[in-house]
């Protein structure tokens, strides 16, 4: 089996490439630059393919001999940021680019696509029960990244009936933890601050956290076991953010933040951070959208993925510990 992976140099993408190779696949790993591809994946047997989601035609021929496409790439930078270009890029890359990529893969004879969405698209159930794949979309979310993933899913759902020969499976991960966070992600940045003693207080709220290795495993299993057009939540455990900082401090043998800040205080901090950002041009560590996302966290069931795709979830503390060890080993 030959796989093509977009977003191959990111946290999830690089983990997926490794698991695919371990499972006997040959892999074409798309990266925006050959240099970055070699830096992240140079120790693997993956073939680096230079490409950009804004120029899908430029790498379309590379799909011709592939059995399965794993679409991991997304415009994610503005998940917590404030760049005025965000909305345009979210639409062009995450929505329009996804459909254009499906069209390109179909034209090149690819039979299976595993698409990465987000559990952030799932809304809360009115009765307070755990949300799952049958729950409605979280259209009220202020998070522009989640909004773009909702639009992408809706576009895929409209595309599928006209293209029955293309098998598409949707994977909806929660917030990702674990080793290999080479970005690092916002969560990775927070863990690094804990290790450096620079986080004065733990953020409030709860989020569904999942180990990056488990998401990659689900994606590999979905090639054979995933149902066409099906969505699979891979949300892991619903955990207090303060517990993440405690786990990180324990793994790094440092003191954890002494207090958990209130939502009111972190809201004020976010406002100040956004003002500073407009002056400096740097991305803020905290924004009001991030605070609202934490405050409005939806508890999600992964029972369908456990049942149909054979995933089981390790303890969150183990994921954080392995992530801490990876950060230390990689400077």
C-alpha atoms as a PDB file:
ATOM      1  CA  UNK A   1       0.000   0.000   0.000  1.00  0.00           C
ATOM      2  CA  UNK A   2       1.242   3.479  -0.852  1.00  0.00           C
ATOM      3  CA  UNK A   3       0.033   6.461   1.171  1.00  0.00           C
ATOM      4  CA  UNK A   4       0.152  10.183   0.487  1.00  0.00           C
ATOM      5  CA  UNK A   5       0.160  12.366   3.619  1.00  0.00           C
ATOM      6  CA  UNK A   6      -0.517  16.104   3.637  1.00  0.00           C
ATOM      7  CA  UNK A   7       0.643  18.056   6.677  1.00  0.00           C
ATOM      8  CA  UNK A   8       3.356  15.458   7.180  1.00  0.00           C
ATOM      9  CA  UNK A   9       5.760  17.670   9.128  1.00  0.00           C
ATOM     10  CA  UNK A  10       3.241  18.653  11.812  1.00  0.00           C
ATOM     11  CA  UNK A  11       2.629  17.031  15.176  1.00  0.00           C
ATOM     12  CA  UNK A  12       0.006  14.545  13.992  1.00  0.00           C
ATOM     13  CA  UNK A  13       1.303  14.205  10.437  1.00  0.00           C
ATOM     14  CA  UNK A  14       4.837  13.200  11.420  1.00  0.00           C
ATOM     15  CA  UNK A  15       3.507  10.682  13.949  1.00  0.00           C
ATOM     16  CA  UNK A  16       1.207   9.247  11.293  1.00  0.00           C
ATOM     17  CA  UNK A  17       4.064   8.899   8.786  1.00  0.00           C
ATOM     18  CA  UNK A  18       6.063   6.889  11.316  1.00  0.00           C
ATOM     19  CA  UNK A  19       3.127   4.582  12.080  1.00  0.00           C
ATOM     20  CA  UNK A  20       2.374   4.049   8.385  1.00  0.00           C
ATOM     21  CA  UNK A  21       5.977   3.040   7.735  1.00  0.00           C
ATOM     22  CA  UNK A  22       5.900   0.733  10.757  1.00  0.00           C
ATOM     23  CA  UNK A  23       2.779  -0.884   9.260  1.00  0.00           C
ATOM     24  CA  UNK A  24       4.485  -1.621   5.955  1.00  0.00           C
ATOM     25  CA  UNK A  25       3.230   1.297   3.876  1.00  0.00           C
ATOM     26  CA  UNK A  26       5.417   3.229   1.495  1.00  0.00           C
ATOM     27  CA  UNK A  27       4.791   6.923   2.132  1.00  0.00           C
ATOM     28  CA  UNK A  28       4.879  10.117   0.137  1.00  0.00           C
ATOM     29  CA  UNK A  29       5.073  12.904   2.729  1.00  0.00           C
ATOM     30  CA  UNK A  30       4.022  16.341   1.502  1.00  0.00           C
ATOM     31  CA  UNK A  31       5.810  19.319   3.004  1.00  0.00           C
ATOM     32  CA  UNK A  32       5.765  22.978   2.076  1.00  0.00           C
ATOM     33  CA  UNK A  33       9.546  22.813   1.701  1.00  0.00           C
ATOM     34  CA  UNK A  34      11.893  19.908   1.086  1.00  0.00           C
ATOM     35  CA  UNK A  35      14.219  21.331   3.740  1.00  0.00           C
ATOM     36  CA  UNK A  36      11.565  21.153   6.461  1.00  0.00           C
ATOM     37  CA  UNK A  37      10.486  17.715   5.295  1.00  0.00           C
ATOM     38  CA  UNK A  38      14.010  16.399   5.617  1.00  0.00           C
ATOM     39  CA  UNK A  39      14.484  18.090   8.979  1.00  0.00           C
ATOM     40  CA  UNK A  40      11.404  16.425  10.476  1.00  0.00           C
ATOM     41  CA  UNK A  41      11.272  13.149   8.529  1.00  0.00           C
ATOM     42  CA  UNK A  42      14.818  12.746   7.225  1.00  0.00           C
ATOM     43  CA  UNK A  43      15.486   9.796   9.510  1.00  0.00           C
ATOM     44  CA  UNK A  44      12.534   7.887   8.031  1.00  0.00           C
ATOM     45  CA  UNK A  45      12.045   6.104   4.705  1.00  0.00           C
ATOM     46  CA  UNK A  46       9.347   8.551   3.615  1.00  0.00           C
ATOM     47  CA  UNK A  47       9.657  10.200   0.204  1.00  0.00           C
ATOM     48  CA  UNK A  48       9.436  13.970   0.633  1.00  0.00           C
ATOM     49  CA  UNK A  49       7.114  15.703  -1.837  1.00  0.00           C
ATOM     50  CA  UNK A  50       7.142  19.493  -1.947  1.00  0.00           C
ATOM     51  CA  UNK A  51       3.646  20.972  -2.135  1.00  0.00           C
ATOM     52  CA  UNK A  52       1.275  23.645  -0.885  1.00  0.00           C
ATOM     53  CA  UNK A  53      -2.463  23.486  -0.252  1.00  0.00           C
ATOM     54  CA  UNK A  54      -2.774  26.803  -2.091  1.00  0.00           C
ATOM     55  CA  UNK A  55      -1.395  25.144  -5.232  1.00  0.00           C
ATOM     56  CA  UNK A  56      -2.871  21.655  -5.350  1.00  0.00           C
ATOM     57  CA  UNK A  57      -2.287  21.326  -9.093  1.00  0.00           C
ATOM     58  CA  UNK A  58       1.422  21.618  -8.387  1.00  0.00           C
ATOM     59  CA  UNK A  59       1.570  18.269  -6.574  1.00  0.00           C
ATOM     60  CA  UNK A  60      -1.451  16.450  -8.056  1.00  0.00           C
ATOM     61  CA  UNK A  61       0.669  14.122 -10.279  1.00  0.00           C
ATOM     62  CA  UNK A  62       2.291  12.703  -7.121  1.00  0.00           C
ATOM     63  CA  UNK A  63      -1.088  11.202  -6.142  1.00  0.00           C
ATOM     64  CA  UNK A  64      -1.252   8.990  -9.237  1.00  0.00           C
ATOM     65  CA  UNK A  65       0.201   5.787  -7.776  1.00  0.00           C
ATOM     66  CA  UNK A  66      -1.220   6.144  -4.251  1.00  0.00           C
ATOM     67  CA  UNK A  67      -3.831   3.866  -2.695  1.00  0.00           C
ATOM     68  CA  UNK A  68      -4.854   6.151   0.143  1.00  0.00           C
ATOM     69  CA  UNK A  69      -4.670   9.860   0.893  1.00  0.00           C
ATOM     70  CA  UNK A  70      -4.378  11.044   4.493  1.00  0.00           C
ATOM     71  CA  UNK A  71      -5.395  14.706   4.570  1.00  0.00           C
ATOM     72  CA  UNK A  72      -3.913  16.149   7.756  1.00  0.00           C
ATOM     73  CA  UNK A  73      -2.855  19.605   6.530  1.00  0.00           C
ATOM     74  CA  UNK A  74      -4.861  22.605   7.694  1.00  0.00           C
ATOM     75  CA  UNK A  75      -4.447  26.310   8.266  1.00  0.00           C
ATOM     76  CA  UNK A  76      -4.081  26.153  12.018  1.00  0.00           C
ATOM     77  CA  UNK A  77      -1.839  29.053  12.984  1.00  0.00           C
ATOM     78  CA  UNK A  78      -4.703  31.390  13.767  1.00  0.00           C
ATOM     79  CA  UNK A  79      -6.452  28.892  16.042  1.00  0.00           C
ATOM     80  CA  UNK A  80      -5.567  31.198  18.926  1.00  0.00           C
ATOM     81  CA  UNK A  81      -4.196  34.170  16.963  1.00  0.00           C
ATOM     82  CA  UNK A  82      -5.553  37.420  15.597  1.00  0.00           C
ATOM     83  CA  UNK A  83      -4.142  37.751  12.055  1.00  0.00           C
ATOM     84  CA  UNK A  84      -6.535  39.640   9.771  1.00  0.00           C
ATOM     85  CA  UNK A  85      -5.753  37.146   6.982  1.00  0.00           C
ATOM     86  CA  UNK A  86      -7.065  34.246   9.021  1.00  0.00           C
ATOM     87  CA  UNK A  87     -10.595  34.059   7.659  1.00  0.00           C
ATOM     88  CA  UNK A  88      -9.464  34.129   4.031  1.00  0.00           C
ATOM     89  CA  UNK A  89      -6.787  31.486   4.628  1.00  0.00           C
ATOM     90  CA  UNK A  90      -9.105  29.260   6.671  1.00  0.00           C
ATOM     91  CA  UNK A  91     -11.568  29.225   3.781  1.00  0.00           C
ATOM     92  CA  UNK A  92      -8.988  28.771   1.023  1.00  0.00           C
ATOM     93  CA  UNK A  93      -6.989  26.024   2.734  1.00  0.00           C
ATOM     94  CA  UNK A  94      -9.349  24.223   5.095  1.00  0.00           C
ATOM     95  CA  UNK A  95     -12.549  24.322   3.033  1.00  0.00           C
ATOM     96  CA  UNK A  96     -11.935  25.053  -0.655  1.00  0.00           C
ATOM     97  CA  UNK A  97      -8.558  23.316  -0.581  1.00  0.00           C
ATOM     98  CA  UNK A  98     -10.059  20.155   0.915  1.00  0.00           C
ATOM     99  CA  UNK A  99     -12.630  19.794  -1.866  1.00  0.00           C
ATOM    100  CA  UNK A 100     -10.059  20.603  -4.535  1.00  0.00           C
ATOM    101  CA  UNK A 101      -7.793  17.927  -3.062  1.00  0.00           C
ATOM    102  CA  UNK A 102     -10.610  15.363  -3.131  1.00  0.00           C
ATOM    103  CA  UNK A 103     -11.191  16.187  -6.795  1.00  0.00           C
ATOM    104  CA  UNK A 104      -7.487  15.841  -7.557  1.00  0.00           C
ATOM    105  CA  UNK A 105      -7.243  12.510  -5.706  1.00  0.00           C
ATOM    106  CA  UNK A 106     -10.282  11.171  -7.541  1.00  0.00           C
ATOM    107  CA  UNK A 107      -8.827  12.197 -10.897  1.00  0.00           C
ATOM    108  CA  UNK A 108      -5.589  10.350 -10.059  1.00  0.00           C
ATOM    109  CA  UNK A 109      -7.371   7.136  -9.071  1.00  0.00           C
ATOM    110  CA  UNK A 110      -7.013   7.300  -5.290  1.00  0.00           C
ATOM    111  CA  UNK A 111      -9.712   5.092  -3.780  1.00  0.00           C
ATOM    112  CA  UNK A 112      -9.614   5.983  -0.069  1.00  0.00           C
ATOM    113  CA  UNK A 113      -9.268   9.282   1.787  1.00  0.00           C
ATOM    114  CA  UNK A 114      -8.847   9.664   5.551  1.00  0.00           C
ATOM    115  CA  UNK A 115      -9.694  13.261   6.442  1.00  0.00           C
ATOM    116  CA  UNK A 116      -8.797  14.940   9.741  1.00  0.00           C
ATOM    117  CA  UNK A 117     -11.481  17.244  11.120  1.00  0.00           C
ATOM    118  CA  UNK A 118     -11.777  18.219  14.808  1.00  0.00           C
ATOM    119  CA  UNK A 119     -13.950  17.283  17.758  1.00  0.00           C
ATOM    120  CA  UNK A 120     -14.312  21.036  18.220  1.00  0.00           C
ATOM    121  CA  UNK A 121     -17.057  20.936  15.579  1.00  0.00           C
ATOM    122  CA  UNK A 122     -19.292  18.896  17.902  1.00  0.00           C
ATOM    123  CA  UNK A 123     -21.917  20.781  19.892  1.00  0.00           C
ATOM    124  CA  UNK A 124     -23.301  20.082  23.360  1.00  0.00           C
ATOM    125  CA  UNK A 125     -26.410  17.944  23.794  1.00  0.00           C
ATOM    126  CA  UNK A 126     -29.404  19.743  25.287  1.00  0.00           C
ATOM    127  CA  UNK A 127     -29.864  17.043  27.925  1.00  0.00           C
ATOM    128  CA  UNK A 128     -26.266  17.304  29.122  1.00  0.00           C
ATOM    129  CA  UNK A 129     -25.297  13.799  27.959  1.00  0.00           C
ATOM    130  CA  UNK A 130     -21.960  13.060  26.292  1.00  0.00           C
ATOM    131  CA  UNK A 131     -21.836  14.395  22.754  1.00  0.00           C
ATOM    132  CA  UNK A 132     -20.836  12.150  19.860  1.00  0.00           C
ATOM    133  CA  UNK A 133     -21.000  11.853  16.075  1.00  0.00           C
ATOM    134  CA  UNK A 134     -24.795  12.182  16.139  1.00  0.00           C
ATOM    135  CA  UNK A 135     -24.746  15.511  17.987  1.00  0.00           C
ATOM    136  CA  UNK A 136     -25.285  18.735  16.062  1.00  0.00           C
ATOM    137  CA  UNK A 137     -22.560  21.079  14.897  1.00  0.00           C
ATOM    138  CA  UNK A 138     -21.279  23.693  17.312  1.00  0.00           C
ATOM    139  CA  UNK A 139     -22.264  26.596  15.055  1.00  0.00           C
ATOM    140  CA  UNK A 140     -22.097  29.008  18.002  1.00  0.00           C
ATOM    141  CA  UNK A 141     -18.361  28.485  18.523  1.00  0.00           C
ATOM    142  CA  UNK A 142     -16.327  31.705  18.295  1.00  0.00           C
ATOM    143  CA  UNK A 143     -13.296  29.655  17.272  1.00  0.00           C
ATOM    144  CA  UNK A 144     -12.600  30.368  13.612  1.00  0.00           C
ATOM    145  CA  UNK A 145     -10.599  27.178  13.138  1.00  0.00           C
ATOM    146  CA  UNK A 146     -13.532  25.079  14.380  1.00  0.00           C
ATOM    147  CA  UNK A 147     -15.874  27.107  12.167  1.00  0.00           C
ATOM    148  CA  UNK A 148     -13.724  26.297   9.123  1.00  0.00           C
ATOM    149  CA  UNK A 149     -13.791  22.593   9.983  1.00  0.00           C
ATOM    150  CA  UNK A 150     -17.594  22.700  10.219  1.00  0.00           C
ATOM    151  CA  UNK A 151     -17.739  24.280   6.755  1.00  0.00           C
ATOM    152  CA  UNK A 152     -15.279  21.681   5.443  1.00  0.00           C
ATOM    153  CA  UNK A 153     -17.357  18.788   6.781  1.00  0.00           C
ATOM    154  CA  UNK A 154     -20.505  20.286   5.260  1.00  0.00           C
ATOM    155  CA  UNK A 155     -18.707  20.651   1.924  1.00  0.00           C
ATOM    156  CA  UNK A 156     -17.503  17.027   2.058  1.00  0.00           C
ATOM    157  CA  UNK A 157     -21.003  15.810   2.881  1.00  0.00           C
ATOM    158  CA  UNK A 158     -22.332  17.677  -0.167  1.00  0.00           C
ATOM    159  CA  UNK A 159     -19.525  16.303  -2.367  1.00  0.00           C
ATOM    160  CA  UNK A 160     -19.823  12.622  -1.438  1.00  0.00           C
ATOM    161  CA  UNK A 161     -23.182  11.758  -3.091  1.00  0.00           C
ATOM    162  CA  UNK A 162     -21.877  12.900  -6.476  1.00  0.00           C
ATOM    163  CA  UNK A 163     -18.668  10.881  -6.053  1.00  0.00           C
ATOM    164  CA  UNK A 164     -19.650   7.394  -4.833  1.00  0.00           C
ATOM    165  CA  UNK A 165     -16.435   5.755  -6.069  1.00  0.00           C
ATOM    166  CA  UNK A 166     -14.316   7.703  -3.584  1.00  0.00           C
ATOM    167  CA  UNK A 167     -14.320   6.269  -0.043  1.00  0.00           C
ATOM    168  CA  UNK A 168     -13.926   9.019   2.567  1.00  0.00           C
ATOM    169  CA  UNK A 169     -13.634   8.548   6.347  1.00  0.00           C
ATOM    170  CA  UNK A 170     -13.622  11.508   8.747  1.00  0.00           C
ATOM    171  CA  UNK A 171     -11.565  11.509  11.966  1.00  0.00           C
ATOM    172  CA  UNK A 172     -12.377  14.084  14.674  1.00  0.00           C
ATOM    173  CA  UNK A 173      -9.567  14.276  17.255  1.00  0.00           C
ATOM    174  CA  UNK A 174      -9.626  16.198  20.504  1.00  0.00           C
ATOM    175  CA  UNK A 175      -6.730  18.384  21.674  1.00  0.00           C
ATOM    176  CA  UNK A 176      -3.550  16.416  20.974  1.00  0.00           C
ATOM    177  CA  UNK A 177      -0.816  15.591  23.481  1.00  0.00           C
ATOM    178  CA  UNK A 178       2.242  13.345  23.524  1.00  0.00           C
ATOM    179  CA  UNK A 179       5.748  13.084  22.056  1.00  0.00           C
ATOM    180  CA  UNK A 180       6.787  14.730  18.797  1.00  0.00           C
ATOM    181  CA  UNK A 181       5.183  18.162  19.251  1.00  0.00           C
ATOM    182  CA  UNK A 182       7.723  19.847  16.995  1.00  0.00           C
ATOM    183  CA  UNK A 183       5.759  23.094  16.445  1.00  0.00           C
ATOM    184  CA  UNK A 184       5.165  23.254  19.279  1.00  0.00           C
ATOM    185  CA  UNK A 185       1.380  23.571  19.596  1.00  0.00           C
ATOM    186  CA  UNK A 186      -0.227  25.973  22.058  1.00  0.00           C
ATOM    187  CA  UNK A 187      -0.558  23.146  24.572  1.00  0.00           C
ATOM    188  CA  UNK A 188       3.082  22.252  24.005  1.00  0.00           C
ATOM    189  CA  UNK A 189       4.055  25.877  24.652  1.00  0.00           C
ATOM    190  CA  UNK A 190       2.170  25.778  27.944  1.00  0.00           C
ATOM    191  CA  UNK A 191       3.940  22.590  29.011  1.00  0.00           C
ATOM    192  CA  UNK A 192       7.321  24.113  28.128  1.00  0.00           C
ATOM    193  CA  UNK A 193       6.467  27.153  30.257  1.00  0.00           C
ATOM    194  CA  UNK A 194       5.688  24.828  33.164  1.00  0.00           C
ATOM    195  CA  UNK A 195       9.067  23.134  32.742  1.00  0.00           C
ATOM    196  CA  UNK A 196      10.822  26.519  32.639  1.00  0.00           C
ATOM    197  CA  UNK A 197       8.939  27.809  35.688  1.00  0.00           C
ATOM    198  CA  UNK A 198       7.379  30.606  33.620  1.00  0.00           C
ATOM    199  CA  UNK A 199       3.692  29.738  34.073  1.00  0.00           C
ATOM    200  CA  UNK A 200       2.493  31.637  37.154  1.00  0.00           C
ATOM    201  CA  UNK A 201      -0.967  30.040  37.243  1.00  0.00           C
ATOM    202  CA  UNK A 202      -2.814  27.172  35.593  1.00  0.00           C
ATOM    203  CA  UNK A 203      -5.600  28.054  33.139  1.00  0.00           C
ATOM    204  CA  UNK A 204      -9.152  27.066  34.121  1.00  0.00           C
ATOM    205  CA  UNK A 205     -11.528  24.794  32.237  1.00  0.00           C
ATOM    206  CA  UNK A 206     -11.587  21.296  30.794  1.00  0.00           C
ATOM    207  CA  UNK A 207     -10.849  19.953  27.308  1.00  0.00           C
ATOM    208  CA  UNK A 208     -10.906  16.519  25.695  1.00  0.00           C
ATOM    209  CA  UNK A 209      -7.278  15.424  25.323  1.00  0.00           C
ATOM    210  CA  UNK A 210      -6.025  12.525  23.229  1.00  0.00           C
ATOM    211  CA  UNK A 211      -2.575  11.075  22.655  1.00  0.00           C
ATOM    212  CA  UNK A 212      -1.201  11.821  19.181  1.00  0.00           C
ATOM    213  CA  UNK A 213      -0.204   8.164  18.763  1.00  0.00           C
ATOM    214  CA  UNK A 214      -3.779   7.051  19.314  1.00  0.00           C
ATOM    215  CA  UNK A 215      -5.095   9.415  16.649  1.00  0.00           C
ATOM    216  CA  UNK A 216      -2.504   8.091  14.196  1.00  0.00           C
ATOM    217  CA  UNK A 217      -3.481   4.509  15.052  1.00  0.00           C
ATOM    218  CA  UNK A 218      -7.154   5.266  14.403  1.00  0.00           C
ATOM    219  CA  UNK A 219      -6.279   6.777  11.031  1.00  0.00           C
ATOM    220  CA  UNK A 220      -4.282   3.729   9.967  1.00  0.00           C
ATOM    221  CA  UNK A 221      -7.027   1.366  11.151  1.00  0.00           C
ATOM    222  CA  UNK A 222      -9.653   3.439   9.331  1.00  0.00           C
ATOM    223  CA  UNK A 223      -8.159   2.464   5.965  1.00  0.00           C
ATOM    224  CA  UNK A 224      -9.509  -1.064   6.366  1.00  0.00           C
ATOM    225  CA  UNK A 225     -12.148  -0.684   9.079  1.00  0.00           C
ATOM    226  CA  UNK A 226     -13.642   2.790   8.649  1.00  0.00           C
ATOM    227  CA  UNK A 227     -17.080   3.088   7.081  1.00  0.00           C
ATOM    228  CA  UNK A 228     -17.518   5.240   3.983  1.00  0.00           C
ATOM    229  CA  UNK A 229     -18.809   8.694   4.912  1.00  0.00           C
ATOM    230  CA  UNK A 230     -18.593   7.935   8.630  1.00  0.00           C
ATOM    231  CA  UNK A 231     -17.301  10.311  11.295  1.00  0.00           C
ATOM    232  CA  UNK A 232     -15.271   9.048  14.260  1.00  0.00           C
ATOM    233  CA  UNK A 233     -14.675  11.152  17.372  1.00  0.00           C
ATOM    234  CA  UNK A 234     -11.259  10.404  18.863  1.00  0.00           C
ATOM    235  CA  UNK A 235     -11.435  12.676  21.877  1.00  0.00           C
ATOM    236  CA  UNK A 236      -9.689  10.639  24.571  1.00  0.00           C
ATOM    237  CA  UNK A 237     -10.296  11.926  28.090  1.00  0.00           C
ATOM    238  CA  UNK A 238     -12.027  15.061  29.348  1.00  0.00           C
ATOM    239  CA  UNK A 239      -9.390  16.589  31.643  1.00  0.00           C
ATOM    240  CA  UNK A 240      -8.944  19.773  33.665  1.00  0.00           C
ATOM    241  CA  UNK A 241      -6.247  21.958  32.113  1.00  0.00           C
ATOM    242  CA  UNK A 242      -4.810  22.453  35.613  1.00  0.00           C
ATOM    243  CA  UNK A 243      -4.197  18.697  35.789  1.00  0.00           C
ATOM    244  CA  UNK A 244      -2.129  18.907  32.596  1.00  0.00           C
ATOM    245  CA  UNK A 245       0.178  21.445  34.235  1.00  0.00           C
ATOM    246  CA  UNK A 246       0.479  19.218  37.331  1.00  0.00           C
ATOM    247  CA  UNK A 247       1.323  16.177  35.201  1.00  0.00           C
ATOM    248  CA  UNK A 248       3.942  18.192  33.295  1.00  0.00           C
ATOM    249  CA  UNK A 249       5.534  19.502  36.482  1.00  0.00           C
ATOM    250  CA  UNK A 250       5.690  15.997  37.948  1.00  0.00           C
ATOM    251  CA  UNK A 251       7.281  14.562  34.798  1.00  0.00           C
ATOM    252  CA  UNK A 252       9.780  17.407  34.635  1.00  0.00           C
ATOM    253  CA  UNK A 253      10.520  17.330  38.385  1.00  0.00           C
ATOM    254  CA  UNK A 254       9.634  21.000  38.810  1.00  0.00           C
ATOM    255  CA  UNK A 255       7.111  22.831  40.970  1.00  0.00           C
ATOM    256  CA  UNK A 256       3.645  23.166  39.399  1.00  0.00           C
ATOM    257  CA  UNK A 257       1.819  26.519  39.264  1.00  0.00           C
ATOM    258  CA  UNK A 258       0.471  27.196  42.734  1.00  0.00           C
ATOM    259  CA  UNK A 259      -2.960  28.436  41.715  1.00  0.00           C
ATOM    260  CA  UNK A 260      -5.572  28.020  38.992  1.00  0.00           C
ATOM    261  CA  UNK A 261      -6.585  31.392  37.624  1.00  0.00           C
ATOM    262  CA  UNK A 262     -10.299  32.233  37.419  1.00  0.00           C
ATOM    263  CA  UNK A 263     -12.076  32.682  34.097  1.00  0.00           C
ATOM    264  CA  UNK A 264     -12.603  36.372  34.940  1.00  0.00           C
ATOM    265  CA  UNK A 265      -8.905  37.003  35.519  1.00  0.00           C
ATOM    266  CA  UNK A 266      -7.763  35.082  32.455  1.00  0.00           C
ATOM    267  CA  UNK A 267     -10.352  36.997  30.395  1.00  0.00           C
ATOM    268  CA  UNK A 268      -8.750  40.271  31.534  1.00  0.00           C
ATOM    269  CA  UNK A 269      -5.303  38.842  30.767  1.00  0.00           C
ATOM    270  CA  UNK A 270      -6.483  37.855  27.270  1.00  0.00           C
ATOM    271  CA  UNK A 271      -7.710  41.393  26.587  1.00  0.00           C
ATOM    272  CA  UNK A 272      -4.325  42.803  27.631  1.00  0.00           C
ATOM    273  CA  UNK A 273      -2.511  40.176  25.538  1.00  0.00           C
ATOM    274  CA  UNK A 274      -4.511  41.127  22.451  1.00  0.00           C
ATOM    275  CA  UNK A 275      -3.711  44.824  22.958  1.00  0.00           C
ATOM    276  CA  UNK A 276      -0.008  44.016  23.298  1.00  0.00           C
ATOM    277  CA  UNK A 277      -0.217  41.863  20.162  1.00  0.00           C
ATOM    278  CA  UNK A 278      -1.494  44.791  18.113  1.00  0.00           C
ATOM    279  CA  UNK A 279       1.570  46.763  19.209  1.00  0.00           C
ATOM    280  CA  UNK A 280       4.238  44.058  18.869  1.00  0.00           C
ATOM    281  CA  UNK A 281       2.804  41.955  16.028  1.00  0.00           C
ATOM    282  CA  UNK A 282       3.524  38.748  17.946  1.00  0.00           C
ATOM    283  CA  UNK A 283       0.885  36.029  18.483  1.00  0.00           C
ATOM    284  CA  UNK A 284      -0.655  36.234  21.977  1.00  0.00           C
ATOM    285  CA  UNK A 285      -0.335  33.289  24.318  1.00  0.00           C
ATOM    286  CA  UNK A 286      -3.984  33.721  25.343  1.00  0.00           C
ATOM    287  CA  UNK A 287      -6.955  35.221  23.470  1.00  0.00           C
ATOM    288  CA  UNK A 288     -10.598  35.737  24.381  1.00  0.00           C
ATOM    289  CA  UNK A 289     -11.544  33.024  21.892  1.00  0.00           C
ATOM    290  CA  UNK A 290      -9.245  30.589  23.689  1.00  0.00           C
ATOM    291  CA  UNK A 291     -10.797  31.482  27.047  1.00  0.00           C
ATOM    292  CA  UNK A 292     -14.319  31.030  25.711  1.00  0.00           C
ATOM    293  CA  UNK A 293     -13.316  27.699  24.143  1.00  0.00           C
ATOM    294  CA  UNK A 294     -12.068  26.506  27.539  1.00  0.00           C
ATOM    295  CA  UNK A 295     -15.187  27.765  29.294  1.00  0.00           C
ATOM    296  CA  UNK A 296     -17.556  26.174  26.766  1.00  0.00           C
ATOM    297  CA  UNK A 297     -15.787  22.806  26.605  1.00  0.00           C
ATOM    298  CA  UNK A 298     -17.970  19.945  25.329  1.00  0.00           C
ATOM    299  CA  UNK A 299     -17.552  16.446  26.782  1.00  0.00           C
ATOM    300  CA  UNK A 300     -17.333  13.957  23.924  1.00  0.00           C
ATOM    301  CA  UNK A 301     -17.682  10.185  23.690  1.00  0.00           C
ATOM    302  CA  UNK A 302     -15.225   8.183  21.574  1.00  0.00           C
ATOM    303  CA  UNK A 303     -17.199   4.948  21.926  1.00  0.00           C
ATOM    304  CA  UNK A 304     -17.753   4.554  18.176  1.00  0.00           C
ATOM    305  CA  UNK A 305     -14.016   4.750  17.413  1.00  0.00           C
ATOM    306  CA  UNK A 306     -13.287   2.344  20.263  1.00  0.00           C
ATOM    307  CA  UNK A 307     -15.878  -0.090  18.955  1.00  0.00           C
ATOM    308  CA  UNK A 308     -15.212   0.085  15.209  1.00  0.00           C
ATOM    309  CA  UNK A 309     -11.577   1.186  14.908  1.00  0.00           C
ATOM    310  CA  UNK A 310     -10.030  -0.635  17.848  1.00  0.00           C
ATOM    311  CA  UNK A 311      -8.606   2.345  19.715  1.00  0.00           C
ATOM    312  CA  UNK A 312      -7.988   2.421  23.449  1.00  0.00           C
ATOM    313  CA  UNK A 313      -6.814   5.475  25.353  1.00  0.00           C
ATOM    314  CA  UNK A 314      -3.791   5.598  27.609  1.00  0.00           C
ATOM    315  CA  UNK A 315      -3.877   7.744  30.737  1.00  0.00           C
ATOM    316  CA  UNK A 316      -3.462  11.471  30.061  1.00  0.00           C
ATOM    317  CA  UNK A 317      -0.631  11.618  32.598  1.00  0.00           C
ATOM    318  CA  UNK A 318       1.312   9.115  30.482  1.00  0.00           C
ATOM    319  CA  UNK A 319       0.813  11.227  27.353  1.00  0.00           C
ATOM    320  CA  UNK A 320       2.011  14.359  29.137  1.00  0.00           C
ATOM    321  CA  UNK A 321       4.991  12.521  30.630  1.00  0.00           C
ATOM    322  CA  UNK A 322       6.077  11.180  27.232  1.00  0.00           C
ATOM    323  CA  UNK A 323       5.661  14.661  25.759  1.00  0.00           C
ATOM    324  CA  UNK A 324       7.823  16.183  28.489  1.00  0.00           C
ATOM    325  CA  UNK A 325      10.535  13.589  27.922  1.00  0.00           C
ATOM    326  CA  UNK A 326      10.433  14.308  24.169  1.00  0.00           C
ATOM    327  CA  UNK A 327      10.759  18.068  24.746  1.00  0.00           C
ATOM    328  CA  UNK A 328      13.765  17.522  27.007  1.00  0.00           C
ATOM    329  CA  UNK A 329      15.430  15.048  24.632  1.00  0.00           C
ATOM    330  CA  UNK A 330      15.030  17.488  21.740  1.00  0.00           C
ATOM    331  CA  UNK A 331      16.200  20.616  23.481  1.00  0.00           C
END
